[in-house]
Amino acid sequence: MGPRPERDQGRRVVLDLVQGLGKGYGITTDNFFTSLPLARDLLSQGKTLTGTIRWMRKEVPSCLRPNQTDALHSSKFLFTEDAMLASY
């Protein structure tokens, strides 16, 4: 048995990389790193996150996931108190 795989590795890596940055920075990530928990962590540090997210992640609500009834090239938006998700 080898070591257990690290959970939330992408989140940890981003938080490690931005550790020395002050408030007011905008962080951009791809879908390996982006998550709502990471966005909230960064927001609590005075930073923002923009990135693509895998639609199958558990924090992406079902109303934003692709389905057969979506029109081609349509967009959906979801707003919460501290986040905005867009699906295209």
C-alpha atoms as a PDB file:
ATOM      1  CA  MET A   1       0.000   0.000   0.000  1.00  0.00           C
ATOM      2  CA  GLY A   2       1.340   3.376  -1.001  1.00  0.00           C
ATOM      3  CA  PRO A   3       0.524   6.727   0.557  1.00  0.00           C
ATOM      4  CA  ARG A   4      -3.036   7.965   0.289  1.00  0.00           C
ATOM      5  CA  PRO A   5      -3.679  10.459  -2.509  1.00  0.00           C
ATOM      6  CA  GLU A   6      -3.933  14.047  -1.331  1.00  0.00           C
ATOM      7  CA  ARG A   7      -7.454  15.474  -1.262  1.00  0.00           C
ATOM      8  CA  ASP A   8      -8.028  19.058  -2.445  1.00  0.00           C
ATOM      9  CA  GLN A   9      -4.502  19.224  -3.845  1.00  0.00           C
ATOM     10  CA  GLY A  10      -5.408  21.958  -6.333  1.00  0.00           C
ATOM     11  CA  ARG A  11      -6.868  24.111  -3.583  1.00  0.00           C
ATOM     12  CA  ARG A  12      -3.779  23.650  -1.418  1.00  0.00           C
ATOM     13  CA  VAL A  13      -1.421  24.478  -4.301  1.00  0.00           C
ATOM     14  CA  VAL A  14      -3.212  27.735  -5.135  1.00  0.00           C
ATOM     15  CA  LEU A  15      -3.375  28.799  -1.487  1.00  0.00           C
ATOM     16  CA  ASP A  16       0.346  28.058  -1.116  1.00  0.00           C
ATOM     17  CA  LEU A  17       1.191  30.086  -4.243  1.00  0.00           C
ATOM     18  CA  VAL A  18      -0.781  33.180  -3.229  1.00  0.00           C
ATOM     19  CA  GLN A  19       0.263  33.115   0.418  1.00  0.00           C
ATOM     20  CA  GLY A  20       2.604  36.108   0.110  1.00  0.00           C
ATOM     21  CA  LEU A  21       0.200  38.272  -1.897  1.00  0.00           C
ATOM     22  CA  GLY A  22      -1.734  41.058  -0.256  1.00  0.00           C
ATOM     23  CA  LYS A  23      -5.402  41.908  -0.670  1.00  0.00           C
ATOM     24  CA  GLY A  24      -6.897  43.022  -3.952  1.00  0.00           C
ATOM     25  CA  TYR A  25      -5.418  40.412  -6.274  1.00  0.00           C
ATOM     26  CA  GLY A  26      -7.471  38.501  -8.835  1.00  0.00           C
ATOM     27  CA  ILE A  27      -6.428  34.868  -9.233  1.00  0.00           C
ATOM     28  CA  THR A  28      -7.175  32.943 -12.448  1.00  0.00           C
ATOM     29  CA  THR A  29      -7.157  29.135 -12.542  1.00  0.00           C
ATOM     30  CA  ASP A  30      -8.105  26.298 -14.854  1.00  0.00           C
ATOM     31  CA  ASN A  31     -10.556  23.511 -14.071  1.00  0.00           C
ATOM     32  CA  PHE A  32      -8.092  21.360 -12.093  1.00  0.00           C
ATOM     33  CA  PHE A  33      -7.719  24.078  -9.447  1.00  0.00           C
ATOM     34  CA  THR A  34     -11.055  25.935  -9.445  1.00  0.00           C
ATOM     35  CA  SER A  35     -13.601  25.160  -6.733  1.00  0.00           C
ATOM     36  CA  LEU A  36     -16.139  27.073  -4.674  1.00  0.00           C
ATOM     37  CA  PRO A  37     -14.283  26.321  -1.413  1.00  0.00           C
ATOM     38  CA  LEU A  38     -11.110  27.799  -2.956  1.00  0.00           C
ATOM     39  CA  ALA A  39     -13.040  30.877  -4.113  1.00  0.00           C
ATOM     40  CA  ARG A  40     -14.375  31.385  -0.592  1.00  0.00           C
ATOM     41  CA  ASP A  41     -10.917  30.890   0.946  1.00  0.00           C
ATOM     42  CA  LEU A  42      -9.476  33.528  -1.384  1.00  0.00           C
ATOM     43  CA  LEU A  43     -12.383  35.901  -0.795  1.00  0.00           C
ATOM     44  CA  SER A  44     -11.751  35.709   2.959  1.00  0.00           C
ATOM     45  CA  GLN A  45      -8.181  36.852   2.169  1.00  0.00           C
ATOM     46  CA  GLY A  46      -9.420  39.807   0.093  1.00  0.00           C
ATOM     47  CA  LYS A  47      -8.676  38.144  -3.254  1.00  0.00           C
ATOM     48  CA  THR A  48     -11.002  37.077  -6.064  1.00  0.00           C
ATOM     49  CA  LEU A  49     -11.040  33.935  -8.192  1.00  0.00           C
ATOM     50  CA  THR A  50     -11.969  33.544 -11.849  1.00  0.00           C
ATOM     51  CA  GLY A  51     -11.727  30.158 -13.470  1.00  0.00           C
ATOM     52  CA  THR A  52     -13.307  27.328 -15.345  1.00  0.00           C
ATOM     53  CA  ILE A  53     -14.835  24.545 -13.277  1.00  0.00           C
ATOM     54  CA  ARG A  54     -15.660  20.962 -14.129  1.00  0.00           C
ATOM     55  CA  TRP A  55     -19.439  20.651 -14.322  1.00  0.00           C
ATOM     56  CA  MET A  56     -19.373  17.294 -12.511  1.00  0.00           C
ATOM     57  CA  ARG A  57     -17.913  18.751  -9.297  1.00  0.00           C
ATOM     58  CA  LYS A  58     -20.266  18.279  -6.373  1.00  0.00           C
ATOM     59  CA  GLU A  59     -20.500  22.009  -5.652  1.00  0.00           C
ATOM     60  CA  VAL A  60     -21.913  22.772  -9.125  1.00  0.00           C
ATOM     61  CA  PRO A  61     -25.716  22.706  -8.795  1.00  0.00           C
ATOM     62  CA  SER A  62     -27.695  20.479 -11.129  1.00  0.00           C
ATOM     63  CA  CYS A  63     -29.478  23.493 -12.658  1.00  0.00           C
ATOM     64  CA  LEU A  64     -26.150  24.559 -14.237  1.00  0.00           C
ATOM     65  CA  ARG A  65     -25.186  21.143 -15.556  1.00  0.00           C
ATOM     66  CA  PRO A  66     -25.646  20.436 -19.262  1.00  0.00           C
ATOM     67  CA  ASN A  67     -28.851  18.714 -20.318  1.00  0.00           C
ATOM     68  CA  GLN A  68     -30.704  17.786 -23.498  1.00  0.00           C
ATOM     69  CA  THR A  69     -33.136  20.714 -23.278  1.00  0.00           C
ATOM     70  CA  ASP A  70     -30.489  23.455 -23.282  1.00  0.00           C
ATOM     71  CA  ALA A  71     -30.512  25.532 -26.456  1.00  0.00           C
ATOM     72  CA  LEU A  72     -27.284  25.619 -28.431  1.00  0.00           C
ATOM     73  CA  HIS A  73     -25.008  28.510 -27.325  1.00  0.00           C
ATOM     74  CA  SER A  74     -27.261  29.347 -24.375  1.00  0.00           C
ATOM     75  CA  SER A  75     -26.026  30.630 -21.032  1.00  0.00           C
ATOM     76  CA  LYS A  76     -27.179  30.178 -17.451  1.00  0.00           C
ATOM     77  CA  PHE A  77     -26.164  32.288 -14.465  1.00  0.00           C
ATOM     78  CA  LEU A  78     -26.408  31.607 -10.752  1.00  0.00           C
ATOM     79  CA  PHE A  79     -25.725  34.223  -8.097  1.00  0.00           C
ATOM     80  CA  THR A  80     -25.170  33.689  -4.384  1.00  0.00           C
ATOM     81  CA  GLU A  81     -24.142  36.163  -1.716  1.00  0.00           C
ATOM     82  CA  ASP A  82     -20.442  35.608  -2.408  1.00  0.00           C
ATOM     83  CA  ALA A  83     -20.188  33.879  -5.790  1.00  0.00           C
ATOM     84  CA  MET A  84     -21.381  33.956  -9.390  1.00  0.00           C
ATOM     85  CA  LEU A  85     -21.403  30.862 -11.602  1.00  0.00           C
ATOM     86  CA  ALA A  86     -21.962  30.983 -15.340  1.00  0.00           C
ATOM     87  CA  SER A  87     -22.644  28.027 -17.614  1.00  0.00           C
ATOM     88  CA  TYR A  88     -22.276  28.233 -21.385  1.00  0.00           C
END
